[in-house]
Amino acid sequence: MTDDELSSRPLPTADDVAAIAGVSRWTVTRAFKNNASISEKTRAKVMAAAEELGYAPDLLASSLASERSNLVAVLVDDFNNPHKLVMLERLTTAMRSAGLDTLLVNTLGSEDAQHALRNATQRRVDAAVLIGVNFDDSILHAALGARRVKKLILFARASDHPETISICVDDVAAMREITDYVIDKGYRRPLFLAGPDTRSAHVFRKETFVAHWQSRFDVTPEVLSVGSYDPRRAFETIERNLTSRRAYPDVIVCENDALAIGAMDALRHALGLRVPDDIAVTGFDDVPLAANRVYDLTTYRQPMTAMAEALVEVVLNRSDGSGLCQFGGRLVPRHSA
């Protein structure tokens, strides 16, 4: 049979599968539903018939007939940050295990975020998950005001918007632990390297470090900001700011590992300094590259699997989403500090 003949054949239906399997059409429908009441023997007969015919249920039609699509939109805006790949791996694994599919949307910056969110939610998703920094109040208000989003979830960031759900680590507790570690190691001239200063999708690491250091020494530590969580921009920021200095900080505390990796590269390859002998470095997230011998980065590991599983519980209406910004991770000391 030619390709044209194959493409012109009508698509197999549930009735066709039912005829071959010797069951009712409704049994075929139940066989493709998670946790449906059907014996394994009958399900196997239906699946064998479906495979023989090349049948697959119409998910769009099923979602129109029910209140659920089992589809979650995940919007990401900064793929330069290697931790985003870890988040996506854990999220998609947890969701697929629960029978949820993912619509991945790469937003192209703050100007595109609202348009991308609107397009994603027009596809009858059960929830929209925001991972990134370019989701401000205007975007959240627009999405929620249009009532296109059943659940709007910020993952790995906190929001005080009353109609959003935040799932994140306890940044305050984590940053206090890092600050105490740096102090206990004897460092006294810190530089904090911060990422973008966002309000609606926020991490509280810079504020916590500054406040905790002030409470211990009555001195405000120096802070530098990088416009994005991009190792290249962190490299440029550290090179530009430290090149002409007579006195260096003794430790650079970074808001995340992407910034820390860029900072370490700048110290070694642009300034000719040793880590940690001349300047120590800490990060946050524990991306896979942090454990590489090239960096051996002291960092803080977020419980991404537990956070992803909590998100699934929210999407499936098994949790109301309260109290999900108190996850605790753990400090991972390595050679960089």
C-alpha atoms as a PDB file:
ATOM      1  CA  MET A   1       0.000   0.000   0.000  1.00  0.00           C
ATOM      2  CA  THR A   2       1.378   3.435  -0.983  1.00  0.00           C
ATOM      3  CA  ASP A   3       1.788   6.398   1.367  1.00  0.00           C
ATOM      4  CA  ASP A   4      -1.090   8.176  -0.416  1.00  0.00           C
ATOM      5  CA  GLU A   5      -3.359   5.181   0.096  1.00  0.00           C
ATOM      6  CA  LEU A   6      -2.397   5.000   3.786  1.00  0.00           C
ATOM      7  CA  SER A   7      -3.053   8.724   4.329  1.00  0.00           C
ATOM      8  CA  SER A   8      -6.473   8.482   2.648  1.00  0.00           C
ATOM      9  CA  ARG A   9      -7.685   5.677   4.924  1.00  0.00           C
ATOM     10  CA  PRO A  10     -10.126   6.818   7.623  1.00  0.00           C
ATOM     11  CA  LEU A  11      -8.706   6.957  11.129  1.00  0.00           C
ATOM     12  CA  PRO A  12      -9.693   3.990  13.308  1.00  0.00           C
ATOM     13  CA  THR A  13     -12.370   4.694  15.902  1.00  0.00           C
ATOM     14  CA  ALA A  14     -13.210   3.372  19.344  1.00  0.00           C
ATOM     15  CA  ASP A  15     -15.975   1.333  17.715  1.00  0.00           C
ATOM     16  CA  ASP A  16     -13.410  -0.377  15.479  1.00  0.00           C
ATOM     17  CA  VAL A  17     -11.273  -1.278  18.503  1.00  0.00           C
ATOM     18  CA  ALA A  18     -14.337  -2.511  20.384  1.00  0.00           C
ATOM     19  CA  ALA A  19     -15.305  -4.814  17.495  1.00  0.00           C
ATOM     20  CA  ILE A  20     -11.877  -6.475  17.387  1.00  0.00           C
ATOM     21  CA  ALA A  21     -11.501  -6.708  21.187  1.00  0.00           C
ATOM     22  CA  GLY A  22     -15.054  -7.996  21.659  1.00  0.00           C
ATOM     23  CA  VAL A  23     -15.987  -5.307  24.172  1.00  0.00           C
ATOM     24  CA  SER A  24     -18.223  -2.250  24.278  1.00  0.00           C
ATOM     25  CA  ARG A  25     -17.201   1.204  23.077  1.00  0.00           C
ATOM     26  CA  TRP A  26     -17.344   2.458  26.671  1.00  0.00           C
ATOM     27  CA  THR A  27     -14.926  -0.253  27.771  1.00  0.00           C
ATOM     28  CA  VAL A  28     -12.478   1.044  25.159  1.00  0.00           C
ATOM     29  CA  THR A  29     -12.882   4.549  26.591  1.00  0.00           C
ATOM     30  CA  ARG A  30     -12.246   3.318  30.146  1.00  0.00           C
ATOM     31  CA  ALA A  31      -9.144   1.398  29.052  1.00  0.00           C
ATOM     32  CA  PHE A  32      -7.421   4.662  28.121  1.00  0.00           C
ATOM     33  CA  LYS A  33      -8.264   6.430  31.378  1.00  0.00           C
ATOM     34  CA  ASN A  34      -5.973   6.392  34.396  1.00  0.00           C
ATOM     35  CA  ASN A  35      -7.421   4.563  37.408  1.00  0.00           C
ATOM     36  CA  ALA A  36     -10.572   3.543  35.541  1.00  0.00           C
ATOM     37  CA  SER A  37     -12.516   0.510  36.766  1.00  0.00           C
ATOM     38  CA  ILE A  38     -11.431  -2.197  34.310  1.00  0.00           C
ATOM     39  CA  SER A  39      -9.652  -5.534  34.682  1.00  0.00           C
ATOM     40  CA  GLU A  40      -6.086  -5.870  33.488  1.00  0.00           C
ATOM     41  CA  LYS A  41      -7.108  -8.729  31.196  1.00  0.00           C
ATOM     42  CA  THR A  42      -9.725  -6.584  29.458  1.00  0.00           C
ATOM     43  CA  ARG A  43      -7.396  -3.587  29.269  1.00  0.00           C
ATOM     44  CA  ALA A  44      -4.745  -5.787  27.616  1.00  0.00           C
ATOM     45  CA  LYS A  45      -7.291  -6.979  24.980  1.00  0.00           C
ATOM     46  CA  VAL A  46      -8.256  -3.389  24.207  1.00  0.00           C
ATOM     47  CA  MET A  47      -4.650  -2.189  23.976  1.00  0.00           C
ATOM     48  CA  ALA A  48      -3.728  -5.077  21.661  1.00  0.00           C
ATOM     49  CA  ALA A  49      -6.622  -4.207  19.353  1.00  0.00           C
ATOM     50  CA  ALA A  50      -5.730  -0.513  19.464  1.00  0.00           C
ATOM     51  CA  GLU A  51      -2.116  -1.253  18.544  1.00  0.00           C
ATOM     52  CA  GLU A  52      -3.217  -3.478  15.672  1.00  0.00           C
ATOM     53  CA  LEU A  53      -5.376  -0.684  14.244  1.00  0.00           C
ATOM     54  CA  GLY A  54      -3.082   2.196  15.141  1.00  0.00           C
ATOM     55  CA  TYR A  55      -5.804   3.761  17.265  1.00  0.00           C
ATOM     56  CA  ALA A  56      -5.279   6.545  19.794  1.00  0.00           C
ATOM     57  CA  PRO A  57      -8.044   8.460  21.601  1.00  0.00           C
ATOM     58  CA  ASP A  58      -8.728  12.079  20.634  1.00  0.00           C
ATOM     59  CA  LEU A  59      -7.455  13.945  23.681  1.00  0.00           C
ATOM     60  CA  LEU A  60      -8.928  17.262  22.555  1.00  0.00           C
ATOM     61  CA  ALA A  61     -12.397  15.763  22.247  1.00  0.00           C
ATOM     62  CA  SER A  62     -12.004  14.102  25.649  1.00  0.00           C
ATOM     63  CA  SER A  63     -11.018  17.391  27.276  1.00  0.00           C
ATOM     64  CA  LEU A  64     -14.009  19.176  25.740  1.00  0.00           C
ATOM     65  CA  ALA A  65     -16.286  16.531  27.217  1.00  0.00           C
ATOM     66  CA  SER A  66     -14.820  16.909  30.707  1.00  0.00           C
ATOM     67  CA  GLU A  67     -13.426  19.615  32.954  1.00  0.00           C
ATOM     68  CA  ARG A  68      -9.838  18.378  32.651  1.00  0.00           C
ATOM     69  CA  SER A  69      -7.365  18.274  29.794  1.00  0.00           C
ATOM     70  CA  ASN A  70      -4.480  16.705  31.795  1.00  0.00           C
ATOM     71  CA  LEU A  71      -2.272  19.271  30.053  1.00  0.00           C
ATOM     72  CA  VAL A  72      -0.056  21.725  31.958  1.00  0.00           C
ATOM     73  CA  ALA A  73       1.586  24.737  30.312  1.00  0.00           C
ATOM     74  CA  VAL A  74       5.143  25.374  31.500  1.00  0.00           C
ATOM     75  CA  LEU A  75       6.533  28.808  30.575  1.00  0.00           C
ATOM     76  CA  VAL A  76      10.297  29.357  30.821  1.00  0.00           C
ATOM     77  CA  ASP A  77      12.154  32.575  30.053  1.00  0.00           C
ATOM     78  CA  ASP A  78      15.874  32.097  30.749  1.00  0.00           C
ATOM     79  CA  PHE A  79      17.503  28.983  29.337  1.00  0.00           C
ATOM     80  CA  ASN A  80      20.954  30.456  30.016  1.00  0.00           C
ATOM     81  CA  ASN A  81      20.465  29.312  33.606  1.00  0.00           C
ATOM     82  CA  PRO A  82      21.423  25.600  33.725  1.00  0.00           C
ATOM     83  CA  HIS A  83      19.136  25.029  36.700  1.00  0.00           C
ATOM     84  CA  LYS A  84      16.128  25.418  34.382  1.00  0.00           C
ATOM     85  CA  LEU A  85      16.992  22.076  32.758  1.00  0.00           C
ATOM     86  CA  VAL A  86      17.036  20.399  36.180  1.00  0.00           C
ATOM     87  CA  MET A  87      13.643  21.916  36.993  1.00  0.00           C
ATOM     88  CA  LEU A  88      12.147  20.796  33.692  1.00  0.00           C
ATOM     89  CA  GLU A  89      13.480  17.253  34.082  1.00  0.00           C
ATOM     90  CA  ARG A  90      12.011  16.896  37.585  1.00  0.00           C
ATOM     91  CA  LEU A  91       8.716  18.569  36.668  1.00  0.00           C
ATOM     92  CA  THR A  92       8.072  16.568  33.508  1.00  0.00           C
ATOM     93  CA  THR A  93       9.020  13.312  35.241  1.00  0.00           C
ATOM     94  CA  ALA A  94       6.595  13.967  38.104  1.00  0.00           C
ATOM     95  CA  MET A  95       3.813  15.060  35.774  1.00  0.00           C
ATOM     96  CA  ARG A  96       4.175  12.157  33.354  1.00  0.00           C
ATOM     97  CA  SER A  97       4.093   9.734  36.281  1.00  0.00           C
ATOM     98  CA  ALA A  98       0.743  11.256  37.256  1.00  0.00           C
ATOM     99  CA  GLY A  99      -0.677  11.076  33.718  1.00  0.00           C
ATOM    100  CA  LEU A 100      -0.158  14.787  32.962  1.00  0.00           C
ATOM    101  CA  ASP A 101       1.300  16.107  29.714  1.00  0.00           C
ATOM    102  CA  THR A 102       3.369  19.252  29.268  1.00  0.00           C
ATOM    103  CA  LEU A 103       3.053  22.166  26.880  1.00  0.00           C
ATOM    104  CA  LEU A 104       6.489  23.830  26.963  1.00  0.00           C
ATOM    105  CA  VAL A 105       6.600  27.514  26.007  1.00  0.00           C
ATOM    106  CA  ASN A 106       9.890  29.401  25.650  1.00  0.00           C
ATOM    107  CA  THR A 107       8.985  33.022  26.351  1.00  0.00           C
ATOM    108  CA  LEU A 108      11.192  35.491  24.546  1.00  0.00           C
ATOM    109  CA  GLY A 109      11.615  38.097  27.254  1.00  0.00           C
ATOM    110  CA  SER A 110       9.381  40.400  29.290  1.00  0.00           C
ATOM    111  CA  GLU A 111       7.660  41.819  26.195  1.00  0.00           C
ATOM    112  CA  ASP A 112       6.620  38.356  25.024  1.00  0.00           C
ATOM    113  CA  ALA A 113       5.622  36.874  28.387  1.00  0.00           C
ATOM    114  CA  GLN A 114       2.011  38.090  28.416  1.00  0.00           C
ATOM    115  CA  HIS A 115       1.407  37.042  24.796  1.00  0.00           C
ATOM    116  CA  ALA A 116       2.948  33.609  25.436  1.00  0.00           C
ATOM    117  CA  LEU A 117       0.860  33.068  28.560  1.00  0.00           C
ATOM    118  CA  ARG A 118      -2.332  34.051  26.755  1.00  0.00           C
ATOM    119  CA  ASN A 119      -1.613  31.676  23.872  1.00  0.00           C
ATOM    120  CA  ALA A 120      -0.770  28.805  26.218  1.00  0.00           C
ATOM    121  CA  THR A 121      -3.950  29.175  28.255  1.00  0.00           C
ATOM    122  CA  GLN A 122      -6.124  29.192  25.127  1.00  0.00           C
ATOM    123  CA  ARG A 123      -5.280  25.503  24.817  1.00  0.00           C
ATOM    124  CA  ARG A 124      -7.469  24.435  27.747  1.00  0.00           C
ATOM    125  CA  VAL A 125      -4.610  23.688  30.110  1.00  0.00           C
ATOM    126  CA  ASP A 126      -5.355  22.613  33.682  1.00  0.00           C
ATOM    127  CA  ALA A 127      -2.636  24.920  35.028  1.00  0.00           C
ATOM    128  CA  ALA A 128       0.059  27.324  33.895  1.00  0.00           C
ATOM    129  CA  VAL A 129       3.467  27.024  35.583  1.00  0.00           C
ATOM    130  CA  LEU A 130       5.809  30.009  35.410  1.00  0.00           C
ATOM    131  CA  ILE A 131       9.561  29.369  35.709  1.00  0.00           C
ATOM    132  CA  GLY A 132      11.624  32.503  35.320  1.00  0.00           C
ATOM    133  CA  VAL A 133      11.981  36.189  36.114  1.00  0.00           C
ATOM    134  CA  ASN A 134       9.952  38.080  33.489  1.00  0.00           C
ATOM    135  CA  PHE A 135       6.510  37.568  35.030  1.00  0.00           C
ATOM    136  CA  ASP A 136       5.504  40.843  36.662  1.00  0.00           C
ATOM    137  CA  ASP A 137       2.251  42.034  38.230  1.00  0.00           C
ATOM    138  CA  SER A 138       0.737  43.227  34.945  1.00  0.00           C
ATOM    139  CA  ILE A 139       1.158  39.763  33.421  1.00  0.00           C
ATOM    140  CA  LEU A 140      -0.307  37.981  36.441  1.00  0.00           C
ATOM    141  CA  HIS A 141      -3.268  40.371  36.599  1.00  0.00           C
ATOM    142  CA  ALA A 142      -3.966  40.028  32.873  1.00  0.00           C
ATOM    143  CA  ALA A 143      -3.922  36.236  32.971  1.00  0.00           C
ATOM    144  CA  LEU A 144      -6.077  35.954  36.071  1.00  0.00           C
ATOM    145  CA  GLY A 145      -8.417  38.768  35.068  1.00  0.00           C
ATOM    146  CA  ALA A 146      -9.254  37.051  31.784  1.00  0.00           C
ATOM    147  CA  ARG A 147     -10.170  33.901  33.765  1.00  0.00           C
ATOM    148  CA  ARG A 148      -8.265  31.778  31.276  1.00  0.00           C
ATOM    149  CA  VAL A 149      -6.099  30.126  33.943  1.00  0.00           C
ATOM    150  CA  LYS A 150      -7.528  27.574  36.353  1.00  0.00           C
ATOM    151  CA  LYS A 151      -4.321  27.598  38.400  1.00  0.00           C
ATOM    152  CA  LEU A 152      -1.371  29.956  38.012  1.00  0.00           C
ATOM    153  CA  ILE A 153       1.695  28.449  39.715  1.00  0.00           C
ATOM    154  CA  LEU A 154       5.088  30.063  40.240  1.00  0.00           C
ATOM    155  CA  PHE A 155       7.733  27.374  40.583  1.00  0.00           C
ATOM    156  CA  ALA A 156      10.949  27.975  42.558  1.00  0.00           C
ATOM    157  CA  ARG A 157       9.967  31.595  43.208  1.00  0.00           C
ATOM    158  CA  ALA A 158       7.639  33.331  45.608  1.00  0.00           C
ATOM    159  CA  SER A 159       4.740  35.628  44.767  1.00  0.00           C
ATOM    160  CA  ASP A 160       2.494  37.556  47.125  1.00  0.00           C
ATOM    161  CA  HIS A 161      -0.255  37.795  44.502  1.00  0.00           C
ATOM    162  CA  PRO A 162      -3.327  36.381  46.273  1.00  0.00           C
ATOM    163  CA  GLU A 163      -4.515  34.316  43.296  1.00  0.00           C
ATOM    164  CA  THR A 164      -1.229  32.622  42.494  1.00  0.00           C
ATOM    165  CA  ILE A 165       0.348  29.560  44.085  1.00  0.00           C
ATOM    166  CA  SER A 166       4.050  29.586  44.916  1.00  0.00           C
ATOM    167  CA  ILE A 167       6.112  26.420  45.269  1.00  0.00           C
ATOM    168  CA  CYS A 168       9.656  27.156  46.388  1.00  0.00           C
ATOM    169  CA  VAL A 169      12.395  26.598  48.902  1.00  0.00           C
ATOM    170  CA  ASP A 170      12.494  28.707  52.072  1.00  0.00           C
ATOM    171  CA  ASP A 171      15.001  31.237  50.700  1.00  0.00           C
ATOM    172  CA  VAL A 172      15.310  33.080  53.995  1.00  0.00           C
ATOM    173  CA  ALA A 173      16.280  29.983  55.985  1.00  0.00           C
ATOM    174  CA  ALA A 174      18.577  28.782  53.201  1.00  0.00           C
ATOM    175  CA  MET A 175      20.381  32.106  52.862  1.00  0.00           C
ATOM    176  CA  ARG A 176      20.820  32.410  56.616  1.00  0.00           C
ATOM    177  CA  GLU A 177      22.501  29.007  56.592  1.00  0.00           C
ATOM    178  CA  ILE A 178      24.849  30.067  53.793  1.00  0.00           C
ATOM    179  CA  THR A 179      25.651  33.347  55.564  1.00  0.00           C
ATOM    180  CA  ASP A 180      26.468  31.556  58.816  1.00  0.00           C
ATOM    181  CA  TYR A 181      28.670  29.113  56.906  1.00  0.00           C
ATOM    182  CA  VAL A 182      30.616  31.961  55.299  1.00  0.00           C
ATOM    183  CA  ILE A 183      31.043  33.683  58.672  1.00  0.00           C
ATOM    184  CA  ASP A 184      32.117  30.468  60.403  1.00  0.00           C
ATOM    185  CA  LYS A 185      34.786  29.963  57.717  1.00  0.00           C
ATOM    186  CA  GLY A 186      36.280  33.321  58.666  1.00  0.00           C
ATOM    187  CA  TYR A 187      35.363  35.420  55.637  1.00  0.00           C
ATOM    188  CA  ARG A 188      34.814  39.101  56.465  1.00  0.00           C
ATOM    189  CA  ARG A 189      34.843  41.028  53.161  1.00  0.00           C
ATOM    190  CA  PRO A 190      31.925  39.595  51.182  1.00  0.00           C
ATOM    191  CA  LEU A 191      30.561  40.633  47.812  1.00  0.00           C
ATOM    192  CA  PHE A 192      27.035  39.512  47.006  1.00  0.00           C
ATOM    193  CA  LEU A 193      26.404  38.857  43.298  1.00  0.00           C
ATOM    194  CA  ALA A 194      22.653  39.220  42.657  1.00  0.00           C
ATOM    195  CA  GLY A 195      20.474  38.448  39.672  1.00  0.00           C
ATOM    196  CA  PRO A 196      17.608  40.504  38.211  1.00  0.00           C
ATOM    197  CA  ASP A 197      15.585  42.516  40.713  1.00  0.00           C
ATOM    198  CA  THR A 198      12.064  41.212  40.086  1.00  0.00           C
ATOM    199  CA  ARG A 199       9.066  41.842  42.311  1.00  0.00           C
ATOM    200  CA  SER A 200       6.276  39.431  41.425  1.00  0.00           C
ATOM    201  CA  ALA A 201       8.469  36.354  40.934  1.00  0.00           C
ATOM    202  CA  HIS A 202      11.041  36.902  43.639  1.00  0.00           C
ATOM    203  CA  VAL A 203      13.766  35.185  45.575  1.00  0.00           C
ATOM    204  CA  PHE A 204      14.761  36.682  48.917  1.00  0.00           C
ATOM    205  CA  ARG A 205      18.432  35.766  48.960  1.00  0.00           C
ATOM    206  CA  LYS A 206      20.051  39.177  48.547  1.00  0.00           C
ATOM    207  CA  GLU A 207      17.872  40.860  51.188  1.00  0.00           C
ATOM    208  CA  THR A 208      18.413  38.010  53.624  1.00  0.00           C
ATOM    209  CA  PHE A 209      22.187  37.969  53.186  1.00  0.00           C
ATOM    210  CA  VAL A 210      22.487  41.750  53.599  1.00  0.00           C
ATOM    211  CA  ALA A 211      20.219  41.842  56.660  1.00  0.00           C
ATOM    212  CA  HIS A 212      21.884  38.862  58.340  1.00  0.00           C
ATOM    213  CA  TRP A 213      25.388  40.222  57.721  1.00  0.00           C
ATOM    214  CA  GLN A 214      24.350  43.644  59.093  1.00  0.00           C
ATOM    215  CA  SER A 215      22.924  42.032  62.210  1.00  0.00           C
ATOM    216  CA  ARG A 216      26.212  40.231  62.866  1.00  0.00           C
ATOM    217  CA  PHE A 217      28.755  42.958  62.039  1.00  0.00           C
ATOM    218  CA  ASP A 218      26.811  46.243  61.727  1.00  0.00           C
ATOM    219  CA  VAL A 219      28.275  46.609  58.225  1.00  0.00           C
ATOM    220  CA  THR A 220      26.387  46.634  54.930  1.00  0.00           C
ATOM    221  CA  PRO A 221      28.036  44.187  52.503  1.00  0.00           C
ATOM    222  CA  GLU A 222      28.694  45.191  48.909  1.00  0.00           C
ATOM    223  CA  VAL A 223      26.184  44.046  46.278  1.00  0.00           C
ATOM    224  CA  LEU A 224      26.594  43.817  42.504  1.00  0.00           C
ATOM    225  CA  SER A 225      23.671  43.015  40.203  1.00  0.00           C
ATOM    226  CA  VAL A 226      23.676  41.066  36.961  1.00  0.00           C
ATOM    227  CA  GLY A 227      20.829  41.643  34.500  1.00  0.00           C
ATOM    228  CA  SER A 228      20.129  37.950  33.970  1.00  0.00           C
ATOM    229  CA  TYR A 229      21.131  34.551  35.325  1.00  0.00           C
ATOM    230  CA  ASP A 230      23.702  34.132  32.580  1.00  0.00           C
ATOM    231  CA  PRO A 231      27.259  32.921  33.348  1.00  0.00           C
ATOM    232  CA  ARG A 232      28.630  35.109  30.540  1.00  0.00           C
ATOM    233  CA  ARG A 233      27.117  38.264  32.013  1.00  0.00           C
ATOM    234  CA  ALA A 234      28.348  37.291  35.477  1.00  0.00           C
ATOM    235  CA  PHE A 235      31.847  36.870  34.006  1.00  0.00           C
ATOM    236  CA  GLU A 236      31.675  40.348  32.470  1.00  0.00           C
ATOM    237  CA  THR A 237      30.344  41.927  35.669  1.00  0.00           C
ATOM    238  CA  ILE A 238      33.078  40.471  37.882  1.00  0.00           C
ATOM    239  CA  GLU A 239      35.834  41.244  35.374  1.00  0.00           C
ATOM    240  CA  ARG A 240      34.649  44.840  34.930  1.00  0.00           C
ATOM    241  CA  ASN A 241      34.213  45.556  38.638  1.00  0.00           C
ATOM    242  CA  LEU A 242      37.298  43.850  40.069  1.00  0.00           C
ATOM    243  CA  THR A 243      39.932  44.601  37.426  1.00  0.00           C
ATOM    244  CA  SER A 244      41.000  48.023  38.766  1.00  0.00           C
ATOM    245  CA  ARG A 245      40.614  47.286  42.480  1.00  0.00           C
ATOM    246  CA  ARG A 246      43.476  47.350  44.928  1.00  0.00           C
ATOM    247  CA  ALA A 247      41.603  45.257  47.508  1.00  0.00           C
ATOM    248  CA  TYR A 248      39.435  42.285  46.641  1.00  0.00           C
ATOM    249  CA  PRO A 249      36.567  40.726  48.557  1.00  0.00           C
ATOM    250  CA  ASP A 250      37.537  37.487  50.253  1.00  0.00           C
ATOM    251  CA  VAL A 251      34.304  35.724  49.234  1.00  0.00           C
ATOM    252  CA  ILE A 252      31.701  36.184  46.494  1.00  0.00           C
ATOM    253  CA  VAL A 253      28.287  34.929  47.602  1.00  0.00           C
ATOM    254  CA  CYS A 254      26.186  34.336  44.477  1.00  0.00           C
ATOM    255  CA  GLU A 255      22.414  34.237  44.181  1.00  0.00           C
ATOM    256  CA  ASN A 256      22.621  31.046  42.141  1.00  0.00           C
ATOM    257  CA  ASP A 257      25.064  28.630  40.523  1.00  0.00           C
ATOM    258  CA  ALA A 258      24.850  30.227  37.061  1.00  0.00           C
ATOM    259  CA  LEU A 259      26.270  33.451  38.497  1.00  0.00           C
ATOM    260  CA  ALA A 260      28.819  31.550  40.598  1.00  0.00           C
ATOM    261  CA  ILE A 261      30.156  29.637  37.586  1.00  0.00           C
ATOM    262  CA  GLY A 262      30.565  32.866  35.621  1.00  0.00           C
ATOM    263  CA  ALA A 263      32.238  34.546  38.608  1.00  0.00           C
ATOM    264  CA  MET A 264      34.720  31.687  39.081  1.00  0.00           C
ATOM    265  CA  ASP A 265      35.631  31.745  35.392  1.00  0.00           C
ATOM    266  CA  ALA A 266      36.276  35.501  35.589  1.00  0.00           C
ATOM    267  CA  LEU A 267      38.415  35.203  38.718  1.00  0.00           C
ATOM    268  CA  ARG A 268      40.586  32.501  37.211  1.00  0.00           C
ATOM    269  CA  HIS A 269      40.775  33.387  33.532  1.00  0.00           C
ATOM    270  CA  ALA A 270      40.363  37.180  33.458  1.00  0.00           C
ATOM    271  CA  LEU A 271      41.967  38.190  36.748  1.00  0.00           C
ATOM    272  CA  GLY A 272      44.459  35.353  37.276  1.00  0.00           C
ATOM    273  CA  LEU A 273      43.213  34.635  40.805  1.00  0.00           C
ATOM    274  CA  ARG A 274      42.849  31.333  42.648  1.00  0.00           C
ATOM    275  CA  VAL A 275      39.612  29.946  44.084  1.00  0.00           C
ATOM    276  CA  PRO A 276      39.367  29.722  47.070  1.00  0.00           C
ATOM    277  CA  ASP A 277      42.908  30.812  47.987  1.00  0.00           C
ATOM    278  CA  ASP A 278      42.474  34.405  46.799  1.00  0.00           C
ATOM    279  CA  ILE A 279      38.679  34.671  46.659  1.00  0.00           C
ATOM    280  CA  ALA A 280      36.143  32.030  47.702  1.00  0.00           C
ATOM    281  CA  VAL A 281      32.807  31.551  45.907  1.00  0.00           C
ATOM    282  CA  THR A 282      29.415  30.115  46.911  1.00  0.00           C
ATOM    283  CA  GLY A 283      26.364  29.396  44.776  1.00  0.00           C
ATOM    284  CA  PHE A 284      22.782  28.223  45.128  1.00  0.00           C
ATOM    285  CA  ASP A 285      20.873  25.353  43.387  1.00  0.00           C
ATOM    286  CA  ASP A 286      23.527  22.614  43.050  1.00  0.00           C
ATOM    287  CA  VAL A 287      23.322  22.235  39.277  1.00  0.00           C
ATOM    288  CA  PRO A 288      25.154  19.155  37.900  1.00  0.00           C
ATOM    289  CA  LEU A 289      28.144  21.276  36.822  1.00  0.00           C
ATOM    290  CA  ALA A 290      28.651  22.458  40.426  1.00  0.00           C
ATOM    291  CA  ALA A 291      29.996  19.039  41.409  1.00  0.00           C
ATOM    292  CA  ASN A 292      32.432  18.968  38.500  1.00  0.00           C
ATOM    293  CA  ARG A 293      36.061  19.081  39.646  1.00  0.00           C
ATOM    294  CA  VAL A 294      36.583  22.210  37.543  1.00  0.00           C
ATOM    295  CA  TYR A 295      34.258  24.153  39.880  1.00  0.00           C
ATOM    296  CA  ASP A 296      33.745  22.001  42.994  1.00  0.00           C
ATOM    297  CA  LEU A 297      31.263  24.657  44.075  1.00  0.00           C
ATOM    298  CA  THR A 298      29.946  25.132  47.598  1.00  0.00           C
ATOM    299  CA  THR A 299      26.221  25.578  47.067  1.00  0.00           C
ATOM    300  CA  TYR A 300      22.701  24.904  48.381  1.00  0.00           C
ATOM    301  CA  ARG A 301      20.640  22.036  46.993  1.00  0.00           C
ATOM    302  CA  GLN A 302      16.929  22.623  46.507  1.00  0.00           C
ATOM    303  CA  PRO A 303      14.600  19.598  46.950  1.00  0.00           C
ATOM    304  CA  MET A 304      13.422  19.728  43.339  1.00  0.00           C
ATOM    305  CA  THR A 305      11.787  16.290  43.282  1.00  0.00           C
ATOM    306  CA  ALA A 306       9.669  17.023  46.356  1.00  0.00           C
ATOM    307  CA  MET A 307       8.736  20.423  44.958  1.00  0.00           C
ATOM    308  CA  ALA A 308       7.728  18.889  41.605  1.00  0.00           C
ATOM    309  CA  GLU A 309       5.607  16.266  43.357  1.00  0.00           C
ATOM    310  CA  ALA A 310       3.900  19.016  45.381  1.00  0.00           C
ATOM    311  CA  LEU A 311       3.066  20.819  42.141  1.00  0.00           C
ATOM    312  CA  VAL A 312       1.407  17.694  40.781  1.00  0.00           C
ATOM    313  CA  GLU A 313      -0.729  17.452  43.923  1.00  0.00           C
ATOM    314  CA  VAL A 314      -1.890  21.033  43.343  1.00  0.00           C
ATOM    315  CA  VAL A 315      -2.730  20.418  39.669  1.00  0.00           C
ATOM    316  CA  LEU A 316      -4.718  17.287  40.575  1.00  0.00           C
ATOM    317  CA  ASN A 317      -6.665  19.210  43.263  1.00  0.00           C
ATOM    318  CA  ARG A 318      -5.203  17.105  46.062  1.00  0.00           C
ATOM    319  CA  SER A 319      -3.640  20.186  47.684  1.00  0.00           C
ATOM    320  CA  ASP A 320      -4.808  23.777  48.000  1.00  0.00           C
ATOM    321  CA  GLY A 321      -1.243  25.016  47.565  1.00  0.00           C
ATOM    322  CA  SER A 322      -0.881  26.614  50.979  1.00  0.00           C
ATOM    323  CA  GLY A 323       2.438  26.499  52.817  1.00  0.00           C
ATOM    324  CA  LEU A 324       4.471  25.393  49.801  1.00  0.00           C
ATOM    325  CA  CYS A 325       7.182  28.061  50.095  1.00  0.00           C
ATOM    326  CA  GLN A 326       8.764  26.448  53.138  1.00  0.00           C
ATOM    327  CA  PHE A 327      10.673  23.593  51.516  1.00  0.00           C
ATOM    328  CA  GLY A 328      14.035  22.933  53.131  1.00  0.00           C
ATOM    329  CA  GLY A 329      17.124  21.943  51.172  1.00  0.00           C
ATOM    330  CA  ARG A 330      20.672  21.408  52.366  1.00  0.00           C
ATOM    331  CA  LEU A 331      24.027  23.121  52.169  1.00  0.00           C
ATOM    332  CA  VAL A 332      26.616  21.242  50.085  1.00  0.00           C
ATOM    333  CA  PRO A 333      30.140  22.304  51.135  1.00  0.00           C
ATOM    334  CA  ARG A 334      32.843  21.841  48.508  1.00  0.00           C
ATOM    335  CA  HIS A 335      36.306  23.225  47.744  1.00  0.00           C
ATOM    336  CA  SER A 336      35.288  26.670  46.382  1.00  0.00           C
ATOM    337  CA  ALA A 337      34.587  27.999  49.892  1.00  0.00           C
END
